[in-house]
């Protein structure tokens, strides 16, 4: 299905929220790409940057940006991705909210394509593709890392019955839960606060759509283009199904048991296969090890094996000057 053209928009107000944590260059690129948006003659756009570093490292960066578009700087010193998103949401009552991460760059027609899809399909949430760009020139298993950090979906724009992450999304404000904390703060350290939100919205029958042409680019630094970085994340991603089954109200122990058995088989099969491929230095080694890690995550999903990548964990791994 082809989305409606940009000129079919009625007058709307839209806030682009960019949560940020000690990524000066990435933030400048993300904000600059929003300032360069086109095809939005009937849309009032403003940018909200929510700085989640305790020392407010992005304040001077935002202050130095000259723009005719309103840019609001917010400081949320309580580190945690849910805290940052909630603080930014509380600062706007605009009709639509778009989320862009501080390591993403949007082409000039990004917002117009998201809005066109929302307009054509009357969607409450619209997701778009993410295409990874590896910064390092020489990376082992480049196709694996590009796929790991990218987000794929249907080839055509359409309504979907599942959800993706918050980066590169458009939300109808009226469809969001009327609660103080839209994003669950219990996910501040481990992530998944957006999964919990979108799961609840889907259960309530909210319409979700995929904008196949509304792609953004995600820049992947050399420090992330390593198995040391991606395999723990794959393990954490694998924990999702089992954790969700037990977090469901009421909990679903049989569903959790299914995912644990599934994970055990997956870990064994791909662990052996990945080990063999690694010994022979085959191209598929990284993908096989990734599947093994996700299988282990389904099996070992409970504390103390829950890994933290955000919130207080970032204070240790992303200290100023690092």
C-alpha atoms as a PDB file:
ATOM      1  CA  UNK A   1       0.000   0.000   0.000  1.00  0.00           C
ATOM      2  CA  UNK A   2       1.326   3.417  -0.962  1.00  0.00           C
ATOM      3  CA  UNK A   3       1.232   6.077   1.755  1.00  0.00           C
ATOM      4  CA  UNK A   4      -0.629   9.306   1.149  1.00  0.00           C
ATOM      5  CA  UNK A   5       1.482  12.166  -0.226  1.00  0.00           C
ATOM      6  CA  UNK A   6       2.806  14.746   2.242  1.00  0.00           C
ATOM      7  CA  UNK A   7       0.512  17.513   0.984  1.00  0.00           C
ATOM      8  CA  UNK A   8      -2.540  15.602   2.283  1.00  0.00           C
ATOM      9  CA  UNK A   9      -1.624  16.397   5.924  1.00  0.00           C
ATOM     10  CA  UNK A  10      -3.964  18.497   7.981  1.00  0.00           C
ATOM     11  CA  UNK A  11      -2.337  21.013  10.326  1.00  0.00           C
ATOM     12  CA  UNK A  12      -0.667  19.076  13.150  1.00  0.00           C
ATOM     13  CA  UNK A  13       1.904  19.667  15.855  1.00  0.00           C
ATOM     14  CA  UNK A  14       4.794  17.250  16.188  1.00  0.00           C
ATOM     15  CA  UNK A  15       7.618  16.895  18.696  1.00  0.00           C
ATOM     16  CA  UNK A  16      10.779  14.998  17.798  1.00  0.00           C
ATOM     17  CA  UNK A  17      12.274  13.573  20.990  1.00  0.00           C
ATOM     18  CA  UNK A  18      15.997  12.791  21.048  1.00  0.00           C
ATOM     19  CA  UNK A  19      17.178  11.228  24.329  1.00  0.00           C
ATOM     20  CA  UNK A  20      20.938  11.570  24.650  1.00  0.00           C
ATOM     21  CA  UNK A  21      23.750  10.329  26.858  1.00  0.00           C
ATOM     22  CA  UNK A  22      27.297  11.602  26.260  1.00  0.00           C
ATOM     23  CA  UNK A  23      27.220  11.408  22.464  1.00  0.00           C
ATOM     24  CA  UNK A  24      28.185  14.901  21.359  1.00  0.00           C
ATOM     25  CA  UNK A  25      28.877  14.168  17.681  1.00  0.00           C
ATOM     26  CA  UNK A  26      25.913  11.849  17.326  1.00  0.00           C
ATOM     27  CA  UNK A  27      23.575  14.390  18.912  1.00  0.00           C
ATOM     28  CA  UNK A  28      24.720  17.148  16.561  1.00  0.00           C
ATOM     29  CA  UNK A  29      24.133  14.880  13.570  1.00  0.00           C
ATOM     30  CA  UNK A  30      20.708  13.761  14.781  1.00  0.00           C
ATOM     31  CA  UNK A  31      19.496  17.293  15.515  1.00  0.00           C
ATOM     32  CA  UNK A  32      20.911  18.609  12.241  1.00  0.00           C
ATOM     33  CA  UNK A  33      19.050  15.936  10.289  1.00  0.00           C
ATOM     34  CA  UNK A  34      15.756  16.938  11.919  1.00  0.00           C
ATOM     35  CA  UNK A  35      16.400  20.604  11.146  1.00  0.00           C
ATOM     36  CA  UNK A  36      16.841  19.643   7.474  1.00  0.00           C
ATOM     37  CA  UNK A  37      13.405  17.974   7.146  1.00  0.00           C
ATOM     38  CA  UNK A  38      11.288  18.932   4.133  1.00  0.00           C
ATOM     39  CA  UNK A  39       7.674  18.528   3.001  1.00  0.00           C
ATOM     40  CA  UNK A  40       6.197  19.662   6.321  1.00  0.00           C
ATOM     41  CA  UNK A  41       4.455  22.888   5.342  1.00  0.00           C
ATOM     42  CA  UNK A  42       1.312  22.081   7.378  1.00  0.00           C
ATOM     43  CA  UNK A  43       3.237  20.640  10.340  1.00  0.00           C
ATOM     44  CA  UNK A  44       4.563  22.569  13.329  1.00  0.00           C
ATOM     45  CA  UNK A  45       7.749  20.775  14.380  1.00  0.00           C
ATOM     46  CA  UNK A  46       9.808  21.193  17.490  1.00  0.00           C
ATOM     47  CA  UNK A  47      12.757  19.243  18.850  1.00  0.00           C
ATOM     48  CA  UNK A  48      13.099  18.073  22.442  1.00  0.00           C
ATOM     49  CA  UNK A  49      16.556  16.964  23.527  1.00  0.00           C
ATOM     50  CA  UNK A  50      16.537  15.160  26.862  1.00  0.00           C
ATOM     51  CA  UNK A  51      20.033  14.944  28.310  1.00  0.00           C
ATOM     52  CA  UNK A  52      20.334  11.929  30.597  1.00  0.00           C
ATOM     53  CA  UNK A  53      23.925  12.470  31.728  1.00  0.00           C
ATOM     54  CA  UNK A  54      24.236  13.596  35.366  1.00  0.00           C
ATOM     55  CA  UNK A  55      26.647  16.385  34.408  1.00  0.00           C
ATOM     56  CA  UNK A  56      24.323  17.811  31.679  1.00  0.00           C
ATOM     57  CA  UNK A  57      26.979  17.328  29.020  1.00  0.00           C
ATOM     58  CA  UNK A  58      24.650  18.194  26.121  1.00  0.00           C
ATOM     59  CA  UNK A  59      23.518  21.581  27.423  1.00  0.00           C
ATOM     60  CA  UNK A  60      26.235  23.583  25.668  1.00  0.00           C
ATOM     61  CA  UNK A  61      25.829  21.571  22.465  1.00  0.00           C
ATOM     62  CA  UNK A  62      22.126  22.395  22.203  1.00  0.00           C
ATOM     63  CA  UNK A  63      22.685  26.023  23.195  1.00  0.00           C
ATOM     64  CA  UNK A  64      25.128  26.435  20.298  1.00  0.00           C
ATOM     65  CA  UNK A  65      22.618  25.306  17.653  1.00  0.00           C
ATOM     66  CA  UNK A  66      20.991  28.123  15.697  1.00  0.00           C
ATOM     67  CA  UNK A  67      17.593  27.292  14.275  1.00  0.00           C
ATOM     68  CA  UNK A  68      14.207  28.723  13.366  1.00  0.00           C
ATOM     69  CA  UNK A  69      12.678  25.538  14.772  1.00  0.00           C
ATOM     70  CA  UNK A  70      12.035  25.492  18.498  1.00  0.00           C
ATOM     71  CA  UNK A  71      14.615  23.312  20.281  1.00  0.00           C
ATOM     72  CA  UNK A  72      13.872  22.513  23.917  1.00  0.00           C
ATOM     73  CA  UNK A  73      16.694  21.280  26.128  1.00  0.00           C
ATOM     74  CA  UNK A  74      15.754  19.176  29.149  1.00  0.00           C
ATOM     75  CA  UNK A  75      18.050  17.700  31.766  1.00  0.00           C
ATOM     76  CA  UNK A  76      17.018  14.437  33.429  1.00  0.00           C
ATOM     77  CA  UNK A  77      19.883  13.638  35.832  1.00  0.00           C
ATOM     78  CA  UNK A  78      18.363  10.337  37.029  1.00  0.00           C
ATOM     79  CA  UNK A  79      20.130   8.066  34.555  1.00  0.00           C
ATOM     80  CA  UNK A  80      17.851   5.623  32.759  1.00  0.00           C
ATOM     81  CA  UNK A  81      16.356   5.489  29.287  1.00  0.00           C
ATOM     82  CA  UNK A  82      12.785   5.312  30.604  1.00  0.00           C
ATOM     83  CA  UNK A  83      13.409   8.362  32.794  1.00  0.00           C
ATOM     84  CA  UNK A  84      14.662  10.326  29.792  1.00  0.00           C
ATOM     85  CA  UNK A  85      11.724   9.376  27.577  1.00  0.00           C
ATOM     86  CA  UNK A  86       9.158  10.119  30.303  1.00  0.00           C
ATOM     87  CA  UNK A  87      10.663  13.532  31.072  1.00  0.00           C
ATOM     88  CA  UNK A  88      10.577  14.486  27.401  1.00  0.00           C
ATOM     89  CA  UNK A  89       6.999  13.251  26.931  1.00  0.00           C
ATOM     90  CA  UNK A  90       5.826  15.262  29.924  1.00  0.00           C
ATOM     91  CA  UNK A  91       7.137  18.430  28.270  1.00  0.00           C
ATOM     92  CA  UNK A  92       4.871  18.228  25.212  1.00  0.00           C
ATOM     93  CA  UNK A  93       1.192  17.847  24.419  1.00  0.00           C
ATOM     94  CA  UNK A  94       1.684  17.855  20.641  1.00  0.00           C
ATOM     95  CA  UNK A  95      -0.481  15.658  18.410  1.00  0.00           C
ATOM     96  CA  UNK A  96       2.392  13.375  17.408  1.00  0.00           C
ATOM     97  CA  UNK A  97       5.676  12.267  18.949  1.00  0.00           C
ATOM     98  CA  UNK A  98       8.593  11.032  16.847  1.00  0.00           C
ATOM     99  CA  UNK A  99      11.603   9.343  18.438  1.00  0.00           C
ATOM    100  CA  UNK A 100      15.106   9.522  17.009  1.00  0.00           C
ATOM    101  CA  UNK A 101      18.148   8.128  18.833  1.00  0.00           C
ATOM    102  CA  UNK A 102      21.310  10.164  19.326  1.00  0.00           C
ATOM    103  CA  UNK A 103      23.297   7.795  17.097  1.00  0.00           C
ATOM    104  CA  UNK A 104      20.834   8.070  14.202  1.00  0.00           C
ATOM    105  CA  UNK A 105      20.600  10.372  11.194  1.00  0.00           C
ATOM    106  CA  UNK A 106      17.364  10.905   9.296  1.00  0.00           C
ATOM    107  CA  UNK A 107      17.113  11.759   5.580  1.00  0.00           C
ATOM    108  CA  UNK A 108      15.252  14.952   4.684  1.00  0.00           C
ATOM    109  CA  UNK A 109      11.944  13.222   3.926  1.00  0.00           C
ATOM    110  CA  UNK A 110      11.882  11.041   7.063  1.00  0.00           C
ATOM    111  CA  UNK A 111       9.133  12.825   8.984  1.00  0.00           C
ATOM    112  CA  UNK A 112       6.967  13.416   5.926  1.00  0.00           C
ATOM    113  CA  UNK A 113       7.059   9.691   5.133  1.00  0.00           C
ATOM    114  CA  UNK A 114       6.200   8.683   8.703  1.00  0.00           C
ATOM    115  CA  UNK A 115       3.292  11.130   8.713  1.00  0.00           C
ATOM    116  CA  UNK A 116       2.138  10.027   5.285  1.00  0.00           C
ATOM    117  CA  UNK A 117       1.949   6.421   6.481  1.00  0.00           C
ATOM    118  CA  UNK A 118       0.102   7.429   9.637  1.00  0.00           C
ATOM    119  CA  UNK A 119      -2.330   9.494   7.590  1.00  0.00           C
ATOM    120  CA  UNK A 120      -2.975   6.771   5.021  1.00  0.00           C
ATOM    121  CA  UNK A 121      -3.443   3.932   7.518  1.00  0.00           C
ATOM    122  CA  UNK A 122      -4.862   5.873  10.489  1.00  0.00           C
ATOM    123  CA  UNK A 123      -2.131   4.302  12.619  1.00  0.00           C
ATOM    124  CA  UNK A 124      -1.510   4.921  16.308  1.00  0.00           C
ATOM    125  CA  UNK A 125       2.156   3.905  16.010  1.00  0.00           C
ATOM    126  CA  UNK A 126       4.377   3.885  12.925  1.00  0.00           C
ATOM    127  CA  UNK A 127       7.782   2.189  12.781  1.00  0.00           C
ATOM    128  CA  UNK A 128      10.452   2.607  10.131  1.00  0.00           C
ATOM    129  CA  UNK A 129      13.611   0.748   9.073  1.00  0.00           C
ATOM    130  CA  UNK A 130      17.051   1.364  10.556  1.00  0.00           C
ATOM    131  CA  UNK A 131      20.115   0.890   8.356  1.00  0.00           C
ATOM    132  CA  UNK A 132      23.430   0.464  10.177  1.00  0.00           C
ATOM    133  CA  UNK A 133      26.601   2.220   9.024  1.00  0.00           C
ATOM    134  CA  UNK A 134      29.839   0.752  10.366  1.00  0.00           C
ATOM    135  CA  UNK A 135      32.321   3.511  11.143  1.00  0.00           C
ATOM    136  CA  UNK A 136      35.407   1.276  11.317  1.00  0.00           C
ATOM    137  CA  UNK A 137      36.959   0.507   7.930  1.00  0.00           C
ATOM    138  CA  UNK A 138      38.110  -3.002   8.843  1.00  0.00           C
ATOM    139  CA  UNK A 139      35.595  -5.062  10.819  1.00  0.00           C
ATOM    140  CA  UNK A 140      35.420  -8.879  11.042  1.00  0.00           C
ATOM    141  CA  UNK A 141      32.011 -10.252  10.043  1.00  0.00           C
ATOM    142  CA  UNK A 142      30.787  -6.896   8.616  1.00  0.00           C
ATOM    143  CA  UNK A 143      27.529  -8.344   7.263  1.00  0.00           C
ATOM    144  CA  UNK A 144      26.696  -9.721  10.718  1.00  0.00           C
ATOM    145  CA  UNK A 145      27.306  -6.415  12.472  1.00  0.00           C
ATOM    146  CA  UNK A 146      25.354  -4.469   9.849  1.00  0.00           C
ATOM    147  CA  UNK A 147      22.416  -6.822  10.311  1.00  0.00           C
ATOM    148  CA  UNK A 148      22.694  -6.769  14.110  1.00  0.00           C
ATOM    149  CA  UNK A 149      22.390  -3.002  14.333  1.00  0.00           C
ATOM    150  CA  UNK A 150      19.845  -2.644  11.527  1.00  0.00           C
ATOM    151  CA  UNK A 151      16.082  -3.054  11.702  1.00  0.00           C
ATOM    152  CA  UNK A 152      14.245  -4.816   8.923  1.00  0.00           C
ATOM    153  CA  UNK A 153      10.562  -5.200   8.196  1.00  0.00           C
ATOM    154  CA  UNK A 154       8.113  -5.756   5.337  1.00  0.00           C
ATOM    155  CA  UNK A 155       9.113  -4.581   1.863  1.00  0.00           C
ATOM    156  CA  UNK A 156       5.941  -2.502   1.569  1.00  0.00           C
ATOM    157  CA  UNK A 157       4.172   0.016   3.792  1.00  0.00           C
ATOM    158  CA  UNK A 158       1.337  -1.717   5.650  1.00  0.00           C
ATOM    159  CA  UNK A 159      -0.449  -2.348   8.925  1.00  0.00           C
ATOM    160  CA  UNK A 160       1.389  -4.867  11.112  1.00  0.00           C
ATOM    161  CA  UNK A 161       0.423  -7.009  14.108  1.00  0.00           C
ATOM    162  CA  UNK A 162       3.742  -6.696  15.928  1.00  0.00           C
ATOM    163  CA  UNK A 163       5.998  -3.921  17.172  1.00  0.00           C
ATOM    164  CA  UNK A 164       9.589  -2.723  17.028  1.00  0.00           C
ATOM    165  CA  UNK A 165      11.753  -0.457  19.194  1.00  0.00           C
ATOM    166  CA  UNK A 166      11.259   3.230  19.850  1.00  0.00           C
ATOM    167  CA  UNK A 167      14.090   4.595  17.689  1.00  0.00           C
ATOM    168  CA  UNK A 168      12.566   5.706  14.376  1.00  0.00           C
ATOM    169  CA  UNK A 169       8.930   5.675  15.407  1.00  0.00           C
ATOM    170  CA  UNK A 170       5.935   7.996  15.300  1.00  0.00           C
ATOM    171  CA  UNK A 171       3.282   7.869  18.029  1.00  0.00           C
ATOM    172  CA  UNK A 172      -0.166   9.430  18.127  1.00  0.00           C
ATOM    173  CA  UNK A 173      -0.303  11.249  21.465  1.00  0.00           C
ATOM    174  CA  UNK A 174      -3.986  10.449  22.040  1.00  0.00           C
ATOM    175  CA  UNK A 175      -3.246   6.700  21.780  1.00  0.00           C
ATOM    176  CA  UNK A 176      -0.676   6.682  24.613  1.00  0.00           C
ATOM    177  CA  UNK A 177      -1.635   5.414  28.082  1.00  0.00           C
ATOM    178  CA  UNK A 178      -2.899   8.166  30.364  1.00  0.00           C
ATOM    179  CA  UNK A 179      -0.390   7.486  33.107  1.00  0.00           C
ATOM    180  CA  UNK A 180       2.408   9.513  34.647  1.00  0.00           C
ATOM    181  CA  UNK A 181       5.124   7.067  33.575  1.00  0.00           C
ATOM    182  CA  UNK A 182       4.394   6.012  29.994  1.00  0.00           C
ATOM    183  CA  UNK A 183       7.687   4.123  29.845  1.00  0.00           C
ATOM    184  CA  UNK A 184       8.266   1.670  32.700  1.00  0.00           C
ATOM    185  CA  UNK A 185      11.082   2.843  34.957  1.00  0.00           C
ATOM    186  CA  UNK A 186      11.743  -0.746  36.053  1.00  0.00           C
ATOM    187  CA  UNK A 187      13.399  -1.157  32.631  1.00  0.00           C
ATOM    188  CA  UNK A 188      15.816   1.756  33.125  1.00  0.00           C
ATOM    189  CA  UNK A 189      18.923  -0.409  33.338  1.00  0.00           C
ATOM    190  CA  UNK A 190      18.034  -3.394  31.164  1.00  0.00           C
ATOM    191  CA  UNK A 191      16.092  -1.630  28.382  1.00  0.00           C
ATOM    192  CA  UNK A 192      12.865  -2.906  26.870  1.00  0.00           C
ATOM    193  CA  UNK A 193      10.798  -0.028  28.253  1.00  0.00           C
ATOM    194  CA  UNK A 194       9.506   0.573  24.738  1.00  0.00           C
ATOM    195  CA  UNK A 195       8.661  -3.121  24.232  1.00  0.00           C
ATOM    196  CA  UNK A 196       6.516  -3.037  27.361  1.00  0.00           C
ATOM    197  CA  UNK A 197       4.693   0.078  26.157  1.00  0.00           C
ATOM    198  CA  UNK A 198       4.041  -1.223  22.657  1.00  0.00           C
ATOM    199  CA  UNK A 199       3.004  -4.647  23.947  1.00  0.00           C
ATOM    200  CA  UNK A 200       0.348  -2.979  26.083  1.00  0.00           C
ATOM    201  CA  UNK A 201      -0.821  -0.789  23.207  1.00  0.00           C
ATOM    202  CA  UNK A 202      -1.115  -3.803  20.918  1.00  0.00           C
ATOM    203  CA  UNK A 203      -3.149  -5.651  23.559  1.00  0.00           C
ATOM    204  CA  UNK A 204      -5.503  -2.648  23.649  1.00  0.00           C
ATOM    205  CA  UNK A 205      -6.038  -2.915  19.903  1.00  0.00           C
ATOM    206  CA  UNK A 206      -3.990   0.117  18.834  1.00  0.00           C
ATOM    207  CA  UNK A 207      -3.185   0.213  15.130  1.00  0.00           C
ATOM    208  CA  UNK A 208       0.487  -0.333  14.286  1.00  0.00           C
ATOM    209  CA  UNK A 209       2.047   0.304  10.897  1.00  0.00           C
ATOM    210  CA  UNK A 210       5.332  -0.110   9.065  1.00  0.00           C
ATOM    211  CA  UNK A 211       6.627   2.726   6.864  1.00  0.00           C
ATOM    212  CA  UNK A 212       8.947   0.840   4.529  1.00  0.00           C
ATOM    213  CA  UNK A 213      10.394   4.030   3.010  1.00  0.00           C
ATOM    214  CA  UNK A 214      10.982   5.993   6.257  1.00  0.00           C
ATOM    215  CA  UNK A 215      14.511   4.732   6.866  1.00  0.00           C
ATOM    216  CA  UNK A 216      17.085   6.269   9.221  1.00  0.00           C
ATOM    217  CA  UNK A 217      20.801   5.491   9.479  1.00  0.00           C
ATOM    218  CA  UNK A 218      22.474   4.320  12.669  1.00  0.00           C
ATOM    219  CA  UNK A 219      26.218   4.896  13.048  1.00  0.00           C
ATOM    220  CA  UNK A 220      28.037   2.034  14.771  1.00  0.00           C
ATOM    221  CA  UNK A 221      31.421   2.950  16.320  1.00  0.00           C
ATOM    222  CA  UNK A 222      34.322   0.534  16.321  1.00  0.00           C
ATOM    223  CA  UNK A 223      33.808  -0.186  20.030  1.00  0.00           C
ATOM    224  CA  UNK A 224      30.462  -1.803  19.219  1.00  0.00           C
ATOM    225  CA  UNK A 225      31.588  -3.712  16.137  1.00  0.00           C
ATOM    226  CA  UNK A 226      32.855  -6.609  18.254  1.00  0.00           C
ATOM    227  CA  UNK A 227      31.410  -9.898  19.471  1.00  0.00           C
ATOM    228  CA  UNK A 228      32.372  -8.816  22.980  1.00  0.00           C
ATOM    229  CA  UNK A 229      29.695  -6.122  22.633  1.00  0.00           C
ATOM    230  CA  UNK A 230      27.006  -7.887  20.587  1.00  0.00           C
ATOM    231  CA  UNK A 231      26.900 -11.351  22.183  1.00  0.00           C
ATOM    232  CA  UNK A 232      25.916 -10.103  25.684  1.00  0.00           C
ATOM    233  CA  UNK A 233      23.227  -8.014  23.983  1.00  0.00           C
ATOM    234  CA  UNK A 234      22.049 -11.033  22.015  1.00  0.00           C
ATOM    235  CA  UNK A 235      21.840 -12.915  25.333  1.00  0.00           C
ATOM    236  CA  UNK A 236      19.722 -10.093  26.793  1.00  0.00           C
ATOM    237  CA  UNK A 237      17.481  -9.986  23.709  1.00  0.00           C
ATOM    238  CA  UNK A 238      16.967 -13.721  24.054  1.00  0.00           C
ATOM    239  CA  UNK A 239      15.694 -13.249  27.600  1.00  0.00           C
ATOM    240  CA  UNK A 240      12.741 -11.260  26.266  1.00  0.00           C
ATOM    241  CA  UNK A 241      10.199 -14.048  25.543  1.00  0.00           C
ATOM    242  CA  UNK A 242      10.723 -15.885  28.844  1.00  0.00           C
ATOM    243  CA  UNK A 243      10.747 -12.662  30.864  1.00  0.00           C
ATOM    244  CA  UNK A 244       7.593 -11.380  29.138  1.00  0.00           C
ATOM    245  CA  UNK A 245       5.779 -14.657  29.836  1.00  0.00           C
ATOM    246  CA  UNK A 246       6.472 -14.376  33.567  1.00  0.00           C
ATOM    247  CA  UNK A 247       5.842 -10.618  33.689  1.00  0.00           C
ATOM    248  CA  UNK A 248       2.450 -11.067  32.044  1.00  0.00           C
ATOM    249  CA  UNK A 249      -0.533 -10.502  34.334  1.00  0.00           C
ATOM    250  CA  UNK A 250      -1.305 -13.254  35.164  1.00  0.00           C
ATOM    251  CA  UNK A 251       2.037 -14.965  34.531  1.00  0.00           C
ATOM    252  CA  UNK A 252       2.305 -17.749  31.964  1.00  0.00           C
ATOM    253  CA  UNK A 253       4.632 -20.425  33.407  1.00  0.00           C
ATOM    254  CA  UNK A 254       3.887 -22.939  30.636  1.00  0.00           C
ATOM    255  CA  UNK A 255       4.776 -20.373  27.974  1.00  0.00           C
ATOM    256  CA  UNK A 256       7.965 -19.609  29.897  1.00  0.00           C
ATOM    257  CA  UNK A 257       8.803 -23.333  30.054  1.00  0.00           C
ATOM    258  CA  UNK A 258       8.285 -23.579  26.286  1.00  0.00           C
ATOM    259  CA  UNK A 259      10.716 -20.736  25.647  1.00  0.00           C
ATOM    260  CA  UNK A 260      13.267 -22.210  28.053  1.00  0.00           C
ATOM    261  CA  UNK A 261      13.178 -25.597  26.291  1.00  0.00           C
ATOM    262  CA  UNK A 262      13.348 -23.833  22.934  1.00  0.00           C
ATOM    263  CA  UNK A 263      16.351 -21.860  24.182  1.00  0.00           C
ATOM    264  CA  UNK A 264      18.180 -24.909  25.492  1.00  0.00           C
ATOM    265  CA  UNK A 265      17.937 -26.663  22.124  1.00  0.00           C
ATOM    266  CA  UNK A 266      18.939 -23.488  20.283  1.00  0.00           C
ATOM    267  CA  UNK A 267      21.950 -22.917  22.543  1.00  0.00           C
ATOM    268  CA  UNK A 268      23.260 -26.462  22.109  1.00  0.00           C
ATOM    269  CA  UNK A 269      22.753 -26.674  18.343  1.00  0.00           C
ATOM    270  CA  UNK A 270      24.151 -23.262  17.492  1.00  0.00           C
ATOM    271  CA  UNK A 271      26.831 -23.444  20.172  1.00  0.00           C
ATOM    272  CA  UNK A 272      28.308 -26.532  18.526  1.00  0.00           C
ATOM    273  CA  UNK A 273      27.827 -25.140  15.030  1.00  0.00           C
ATOM    274  CA  UNK A 274      29.259 -21.746  15.983  1.00  0.00           C
ATOM    275  CA  UNK A 275      32.289 -23.375  17.578  1.00  0.00           C
ATOM    276  CA  UNK A 276      33.027 -25.378  14.444  1.00  0.00           C
ATOM    277  CA  UNK A 277      32.617 -22.328  12.211  1.00  0.00           C
ATOM    278  CA  UNK A 278      34.903 -20.298  14.479  1.00  0.00           C
ATOM    279  CA  UNK A 279      37.620 -22.951  14.282  1.00  0.00           C
ATOM    280  CA  UNK A 280      37.450 -22.864  10.480  1.00  0.00           C
ATOM    281  CA  UNK A 281      37.142 -19.041  10.441  1.00  0.00           C
ATOM    282  CA  UNK A 282      33.964 -19.265   8.378  1.00  0.00           C
ATOM    283  CA  UNK A 283      31.859 -16.167   7.678  1.00  0.00           C
ATOM    284  CA  UNK A 284      28.791 -17.567   9.435  1.00  0.00           C
ATOM    285  CA  UNK A 285      30.519 -18.004  12.798  1.00  0.00           C
ATOM    286  CA  UNK A 286      29.298 -14.732  14.299  1.00  0.00           C
ATOM    287  CA  UNK A 287      25.655 -15.343  13.334  1.00  0.00           C
ATOM    288  CA  UNK A 288      25.744 -18.854  14.792  1.00  0.00           C
ATOM    289  CA  UNK A 289      27.268 -17.645  18.065  1.00  0.00           C
ATOM    290  CA  UNK A 290      24.643 -14.889  18.186  1.00  0.00           C
ATOM    291  CA  UNK A 291      21.844 -17.498  17.926  1.00  0.00           C
ATOM    292  CA  UNK A 292      23.526 -19.538  20.655  1.00  0.00           C
ATOM    293  CA  UNK A 293      23.628 -16.475  22.953  1.00  0.00           C
ATOM    294  CA  UNK A 294      19.941 -15.739  22.303  1.00  0.00           C
ATOM    295  CA  UNK A 295      19.095 -19.341  23.111  1.00  0.00           C
ATOM    296  CA  UNK A 296      20.976 -19.110  26.404  1.00  0.00           C
ATOM    297  CA  UNK A 297      19.026 -15.947  27.172  1.00  0.00           C
ATOM    298  CA  UNK A 298      15.705 -17.772  26.774  1.00  0.00           C
ATOM    299  CA  UNK A 299      16.952 -20.462  29.147  1.00  0.00           C
ATOM    300  CA  UNK A 300      18.652 -18.218  31.739  1.00  0.00           C
ATOM    301  CA  UNK A 301      16.294 -15.240  31.965  1.00  0.00           C
ATOM    302  CA  UNK A 302      16.017 -14.721  35.763  1.00  0.00           C
ATOM    303  CA  UNK A 303      18.065 -12.700  38.285  1.00  0.00           C
ATOM    304  CA  UNK A 304      20.991 -12.484  38.829  1.00  0.00           C
ATOM    305  CA  UNK A 305      21.517 -13.082  35.110  1.00  0.00           C
ATOM    306  CA  UNK A 306      19.626 -10.004  33.925  1.00  0.00           C
ATOM    307  CA  UNK A 307      22.187  -7.780  32.213  1.00  0.00           C
ATOM    308  CA  UNK A 308      22.203  -3.997  32.408  1.00  0.00           C
ATOM    309  CA  UNK A 309      23.196  -1.853  29.422  1.00  0.00           C
ATOM    310  CA  UNK A 310      21.509   1.427  30.301  1.00  0.00           C
ATOM    311  CA  UNK A 311      20.923   3.584  33.344  1.00  0.00           C
ATOM    312  CA  UNK A 312      23.529   3.130  36.054  1.00  0.00           C
ATOM    313  CA  UNK A 313      25.451   0.655  33.875  1.00  0.00           C
ATOM    314  CA  UNK A 314      26.224   3.476  31.443  1.00  0.00           C
ATOM    315  CA  UNK A 315      27.804   5.529  34.210  1.00  0.00           C
ATOM    316  CA  UNK A 316      30.498   2.862  34.497  1.00  0.00           C
ATOM    317  CA  UNK A 317      31.029   2.082  30.807  1.00  0.00           C
ATOM    318  CA  UNK A 318      30.635   5.563  29.309  1.00  0.00           C
ATOM    319  CA  UNK A 319      32.384   7.891  31.698  1.00  0.00           C
ATOM    320  CA  UNK A 320      33.171  11.461  30.530  1.00  0.00           C
ATOM    321  CA  UNK A 321      36.266  11.569  28.376  1.00  0.00           C
ATOM    322  CA  UNK A 322      36.109   7.902  27.420  1.00  0.00           C
END
